[in-house]
N, C-alpha and C. Protein backbone atom coordinates (compact mmCIF):
# COMPACT_ATOMS: atom_id res chain seq x y z
N MET A 1 -12.02 -16.78 -9.66
CA MET A 1 -11.42 -15.50 -9.95
C MET A 1 -10.23 -15.30 -9.03
N ILE A 2 -9.19 -14.77 -9.56
CA ILE A 2 -7.99 -14.47 -8.78
C ILE A 2 -8.18 -13.08 -8.18
N PHE A 3 -8.11 -12.99 -6.86
CA PHE A 3 -8.35 -11.72 -6.21
C PHE A 3 -7.08 -10.89 -6.04
N GLN A 4 -5.92 -11.50 -6.23
CA GLN A 4 -4.70 -10.72 -6.11
C GLN A 4 -4.41 -10.08 -7.46
N ARG A 5 -4.48 -8.78 -7.50
CA ARG A 5 -4.27 -8.05 -8.73
C ARG A 5 -2.95 -7.29 -8.65
N GLU A 6 -2.65 -6.54 -9.66
CA GLU A 6 -1.40 -5.78 -9.68
C GLU A 6 -1.46 -4.66 -8.62
N GLU A 7 -0.30 -4.15 -8.32
CA GLU A 7 -0.23 -3.07 -7.33
C GLU A 7 -1.01 -1.87 -7.84
N GLY A 8 -1.76 -1.25 -6.95
CA GLY A 8 -2.53 -0.08 -7.30
C GLY A 8 -3.89 -0.38 -7.90
N TYR A 9 -4.24 -1.64 -8.06
CA TYR A 9 -5.52 -1.99 -8.68
C TYR A 9 -6.69 -1.47 -7.85
N PHE A 10 -6.58 -1.62 -6.54
CA PHE A 10 -7.69 -1.25 -5.67
C PHE A 10 -7.68 0.23 -5.28
N LEU A 11 -6.88 1.02 -5.94
CA LEU A 11 -6.87 2.45 -5.66
C LEU A 11 -8.23 3.07 -5.96
N GLY A 12 -8.89 2.59 -6.97
CA GLY A 12 -10.22 3.11 -7.31
C GLY A 12 -11.27 2.78 -6.27
N SER A 13 -11.03 1.74 -5.46
CA SER A 13 -12.01 1.39 -4.43
C SER A 13 -12.06 2.45 -3.33
N MET A 14 -11.06 3.31 -3.26
CA MET A 14 -11.09 4.39 -2.27
C MET A 14 -12.26 5.33 -2.54
N TYR A 15 -12.61 5.51 -3.79
CA TYR A 15 -13.75 6.37 -4.12
C TYR A 15 -15.05 5.76 -3.59
N PHE A 16 -15.18 4.45 -3.76
CA PHE A 16 -16.37 3.79 -3.24
C PHE A 16 -16.37 3.77 -1.71
N SER A 17 -15.20 3.63 -1.12
CA SER A 17 -15.10 3.67 0.34
C SER A 17 -15.51 5.05 0.85
N TYR A 18 -15.07 6.08 0.17
CA TYR A 18 -15.45 7.45 0.54
C TYR A 18 -16.96 7.64 0.42
N LEU A 19 -17.53 7.14 -0.67
CA LEU A 19 -18.97 7.28 -0.89
C LEU A 19 -19.76 6.53 0.19
N LEU A 20 -19.37 5.28 0.47
CA LEU A 20 -20.04 4.51 1.51
C LEU A 20 -19.92 5.18 2.87
N GLY A 21 -18.73 5.70 3.17
CA GLY A 21 -18.51 6.38 4.45
C GLY A 21 -19.34 7.64 4.56
N ALA A 22 -19.42 8.41 3.49
CA ALA A 22 -20.21 9.64 3.51
C ALA A 22 -21.69 9.34 3.70
N ILE A 23 -22.18 8.29 3.04
CA ILE A 23 -23.58 7.90 3.20
C ILE A 23 -23.84 7.44 4.62
N LEU A 24 -22.95 6.60 5.15
CA LEU A 24 -23.11 6.08 6.51
C LEU A 24 -23.05 7.19 7.55
N LEU A 25 -22.06 8.08 7.43
CA LEU A 25 -21.93 9.18 8.39
C LEU A 25 -23.11 10.16 8.27
N GLY A 26 -23.49 10.48 7.06
CA GLY A 26 -24.61 11.41 6.87
C GLY A 26 -25.91 10.86 7.42
N ALA A 27 -26.21 9.61 7.11
CA ALA A 27 -27.45 9.00 7.61
C ALA A 27 -27.42 8.88 9.13
N SER A 28 -26.27 8.50 9.68
CA SER A 28 -26.15 8.38 11.13
C SER A 28 -26.33 9.73 11.81
N TYR A 29 -25.75 10.76 11.24
CA TYR A 29 -25.86 12.10 11.82
C TYR A 29 -27.30 12.60 11.77
N LEU A 30 -27.96 12.41 10.64
CA LEU A 30 -29.36 12.85 10.54
C LEU A 30 -30.26 12.07 11.49
N LEU A 31 -30.00 10.79 11.64
CA LEU A 31 -30.77 9.98 12.58
C LEU A 31 -30.52 10.43 14.02
N ALA A 32 -29.27 10.73 14.34
CA ALA A 32 -28.94 11.18 15.70
C ALA A 32 -29.57 12.54 15.99
N ILE A 33 -29.55 13.45 15.03
CA ILE A 33 -30.18 14.78 15.21
C ILE A 33 -31.69 14.62 15.41
N TRP A 34 -32.27 13.69 14.69
CA TRP A 34 -33.71 13.48 14.79
C TRP A 34 -34.08 12.85 16.13
N LEU A 35 -33.26 11.88 16.60
CA LEU A 35 -33.56 11.20 17.86
C LEU A 35 -33.17 12.02 19.09
N LEU A 36 -32.12 12.79 18.99
CA LEU A 36 -31.60 13.56 20.13
C LEU A 36 -31.45 15.03 19.75
N PRO A 37 -32.54 15.74 19.55
CA PRO A 37 -32.43 17.13 19.07
C PRO A 37 -31.83 18.10 20.10
N GLU A 38 -31.88 17.74 21.38
CA GLU A 38 -31.36 18.66 22.39
C GLU A 38 -29.85 18.55 22.59
N TRP A 39 -29.22 17.56 22.00
CA TRP A 39 -27.77 17.38 22.13
C TRP A 39 -27.03 18.31 21.16
N ASN A 40 -25.80 18.61 21.50
CA ASN A 40 -24.95 19.44 20.66
C ASN A 40 -24.57 18.65 19.39
N GLY A 41 -24.62 19.30 18.24
CA GLY A 41 -24.31 18.64 16.96
C GLY A 41 -22.88 18.15 16.88
N TYR A 42 -21.94 18.92 17.43
CA TYR A 42 -20.53 18.50 17.41
C TYR A 42 -20.31 17.26 18.27
N LEU A 43 -20.99 17.21 19.41
CA LEU A 43 -20.88 16.04 20.28
C LEU A 43 -21.44 14.80 19.60
N LEU A 44 -22.60 14.96 18.95
CA LEU A 44 -23.19 13.83 18.24
C LEU A 44 -22.27 13.32 17.14
N PHE A 45 -21.71 14.25 16.38
CA PHE A 45 -20.82 13.85 15.30
C PHE A 45 -19.58 13.13 15.85
N GLY A 46 -19.04 13.63 16.97
CA GLY A 46 -17.90 12.97 17.59
C GLY A 46 -18.24 11.57 18.06
N LEU A 47 -19.44 11.39 18.60
CA LEU A 47 -19.86 10.05 19.05
C LEU A 47 -20.11 9.12 17.87
N ILE A 48 -20.55 9.66 16.75
CA ILE A 48 -20.79 8.85 15.55
C ILE A 48 -19.46 8.40 14.94
N LEU A 49 -18.43 9.21 15.09
CA LEU A 49 -17.12 8.86 14.50
C LEU A 49 -16.50 7.63 15.15
N ILE A 50 -16.79 7.38 16.42
CA ILE A 50 -16.19 6.23 17.11
C ILE A 50 -16.57 4.92 16.44
N PRO A 51 -17.88 4.59 16.27
CA PRO A 51 -18.19 3.34 15.57
C PRO A 51 -17.78 3.36 14.09
N TYR A 52 -17.78 4.57 13.50
CA TYR A 52 -17.37 4.66 12.09
C TYR A 52 -15.92 4.22 11.92
N PHE A 53 -15.04 4.70 12.78
CA PHE A 53 -13.63 4.31 12.68
C PHE A 53 -13.44 2.82 12.93
N LEU A 54 -14.27 2.24 13.80
CA LEU A 54 -14.17 0.80 14.04
C LEU A 54 -14.69 0.00 12.83
N LEU A 55 -15.62 0.56 12.09
CA LEU A 55 -16.18 -0.13 10.92
C LEU A 55 -15.45 0.16 9.62
N THR A 56 -14.44 1.00 9.66
CA THR A 56 -13.72 1.37 8.44
C THR A 56 -13.12 0.17 7.71
N PRO A 57 -12.48 -0.80 8.39
CA PRO A 57 -11.96 -1.97 7.65
C PRO A 57 -13.07 -2.76 6.95
N VAL A 58 -14.23 -2.88 7.59
CA VAL A 58 -15.35 -3.60 6.97
C VAL A 58 -15.84 -2.82 5.75
N LEU A 59 -15.92 -1.51 5.90
CA LEU A 59 -16.36 -0.66 4.80
C LEU A 59 -15.41 -0.78 3.61
N TYR A 60 -14.13 -0.83 3.89
CA TYR A 60 -13.15 -0.91 2.80
C TYR A 60 -13.25 -2.26 2.07
N ARG A 61 -13.56 -3.32 2.80
CA ARG A 61 -13.74 -4.62 2.12
C ARG A 61 -14.91 -4.57 1.16
N TYR A 62 -16.01 -3.96 1.59
CA TYR A 62 -17.16 -3.82 0.70
C TYR A 62 -16.81 -2.93 -0.49
N ALA A 63 -16.03 -1.89 -0.24
CA ALA A 63 -15.63 -0.99 -1.33
C ALA A 63 -14.77 -1.73 -2.35
N ARG A 64 -13.90 -2.60 -1.88
CA ARG A 64 -13.08 -3.39 -2.81
C ARG A 64 -13.94 -4.32 -3.65
N THR A 65 -14.93 -4.93 -3.02
CA THR A 65 -15.83 -5.82 -3.75
C THR A 65 -16.62 -5.05 -4.80
N ILE A 66 -17.14 -3.89 -4.42
CA ILE A 66 -17.87 -3.05 -5.37
C ILE A 66 -16.96 -2.63 -6.52
N TRP A 67 -15.70 -2.33 -6.21
CA TRP A 67 -14.75 -1.93 -7.25
C TRP A 67 -14.52 -3.08 -8.24
N ILE A 68 -14.39 -4.30 -7.76
CA ILE A 68 -14.21 -5.45 -8.65
C ILE A 68 -15.42 -5.59 -9.57
N TYR A 69 -16.62 -5.50 -9.00
CA TYR A 69 -17.83 -5.59 -9.83
C TYR A 69 -17.89 -4.45 -10.84
N PHE A 70 -17.55 -3.25 -10.42
CA PHE A 70 -17.57 -2.09 -11.31
C PHE A 70 -16.57 -2.27 -12.45
N GLU A 71 -15.37 -2.73 -12.12
CA GLU A 71 -14.34 -2.91 -13.14
C GLU A 71 -14.71 -4.05 -14.09
N ARG A 72 -15.27 -5.13 -13.57
CA ARG A 72 -15.67 -6.24 -14.43
C ARG A 72 -16.89 -5.90 -15.27
N TRP A 73 -17.74 -5.00 -14.78
CA TRP A 73 -18.88 -4.54 -15.56
C TRP A 73 -18.38 -3.72 -16.75
N GLY A 74 -17.37 -2.90 -16.53
CA GLY A 74 -16.83 -2.08 -17.60
C GLY A 74 -16.02 -2.87 -18.61
N CYS A 75 -15.33 -3.90 -18.16
CA CYS A 75 -14.51 -4.72 -19.05
C CYS A 75 -14.63 -6.17 -18.59
N PRO A 76 -15.67 -6.89 -19.04
CA PRO A 76 -15.94 -8.22 -18.51
C PRO A 76 -14.93 -9.30 -18.90
N GLY A 77 -14.19 -9.09 -19.95
CA GLY A 77 -13.21 -10.10 -20.37
C GLY A 77 -11.91 -9.97 -19.61
N ASP A 78 -10.89 -10.62 -20.10
CA ASP A 78 -9.57 -10.55 -19.48
C ASP A 78 -8.67 -9.52 -20.14
N ALA A 79 -9.25 -8.64 -20.94
CA ALA A 79 -8.43 -7.66 -21.64
C ALA A 79 -7.73 -6.71 -20.67
N SER A 80 -8.38 -6.39 -19.56
CA SER A 80 -7.77 -5.47 -18.60
C SER A 80 -6.97 -6.19 -17.52
N ALA A 81 -6.86 -7.50 -17.62
CA ALA A 81 -6.10 -8.25 -16.62
C ALA A 81 -4.61 -7.98 -16.80
N SER A 82 -3.91 -7.96 -15.68
CA SER A 82 -2.47 -7.71 -15.74
C SER A 82 -1.74 -8.98 -16.14
N ALA A 83 -0.46 -8.85 -16.42
CA ALA A 83 0.36 -10.01 -16.79
C ALA A 83 0.41 -11.00 -15.63
N TYR A 84 0.49 -10.49 -14.42
CA TYR A 84 0.52 -11.37 -13.25
C TYR A 84 -0.76 -12.19 -13.15
N GLU A 85 -1.91 -11.54 -13.35
CA GLU A 85 -3.17 -12.25 -13.25
C GLU A 85 -3.31 -13.30 -14.35
N LYS A 86 -2.86 -12.99 -15.56
CA LYS A 86 -2.92 -13.96 -16.66
C LYS A 86 -2.01 -15.15 -16.38
N MET A 87 -0.82 -14.89 -15.83
CA MET A 87 0.10 -15.98 -15.49
C MET A 87 -0.51 -16.88 -14.42
N ARG A 88 -1.11 -16.28 -13.38
CA ARG A 88 -1.73 -17.06 -12.32
C ARG A 88 -2.91 -17.87 -12.85
N ALA A 89 -3.67 -17.32 -13.77
CA ALA A 89 -4.80 -18.03 -14.36
C ALA A 89 -4.32 -19.24 -15.15
N ARG A 90 -3.20 -19.08 -15.90
CA ARG A 90 -2.63 -20.22 -16.64
C ARG A 90 -2.16 -21.31 -15.67
N GLU A 91 -1.48 -20.91 -14.59
CA GLU A 91 -1.02 -21.88 -13.60
C GLU A 91 -2.20 -22.62 -12.98
N PHE A 92 -3.26 -21.91 -12.69
CA PHE A 92 -4.44 -22.52 -12.10
C PHE A 92 -5.08 -23.51 -13.07
N ALA A 93 -5.18 -23.13 -14.35
CA ALA A 93 -5.77 -24.01 -15.36
C ALA A 93 -4.91 -25.26 -15.55
N GLU A 94 -3.59 -25.11 -15.53
CA GLU A 94 -2.70 -26.27 -15.66
C GLU A 94 -2.85 -27.21 -14.48
N ARG A 95 -2.99 -26.64 -13.29
CA ARG A 95 -3.13 -27.47 -12.09
C ARG A 95 -4.45 -28.23 -12.11
N ILE A 96 -5.50 -27.59 -12.63
CA ILE A 96 -6.82 -28.24 -12.70
C ILE A 96 -6.80 -29.35 -13.75
N ASN A 97 -6.16 -29.10 -14.89
CA ASN A 97 -6.19 -30.05 -16.01
C ASN A 97 -5.10 -31.12 -15.90
N ARG A 98 -4.25 -31.05 -14.91
CA ARG A 98 -3.18 -32.04 -14.75
C ARG A 98 -3.79 -33.38 -14.35
N PRO A 99 -3.40 -34.45 -15.02
CA PRO A 99 -3.94 -35.78 -14.67
C PRO A 99 -3.41 -36.21 -13.30
N GLN A 100 -4.27 -36.83 -12.56
CA GLN A 100 -3.91 -37.28 -11.20
C GLN A 100 -3.29 -38.64 -11.21
């Protein structure tokens, strides 16, 4: 599969990134409140944001992967592929089928 798509293709993965981030932050906050009930909630949330910001690039990679699966589930063929992707697929097939 060619992972380089047209510009703006991964814009939809921002929704999945937001969802993953909200789940991660919410679960972390609830766990922190449960483990440290005497601490201030704002302080806990601020401390949770530090590792969250460090994990944001990793989260976005997973969101992109989920977006590819979601998009391919909705349209499994090459009907939604861009002209660039179709051209690259033809070049790849020609390179594979070229006699050595």
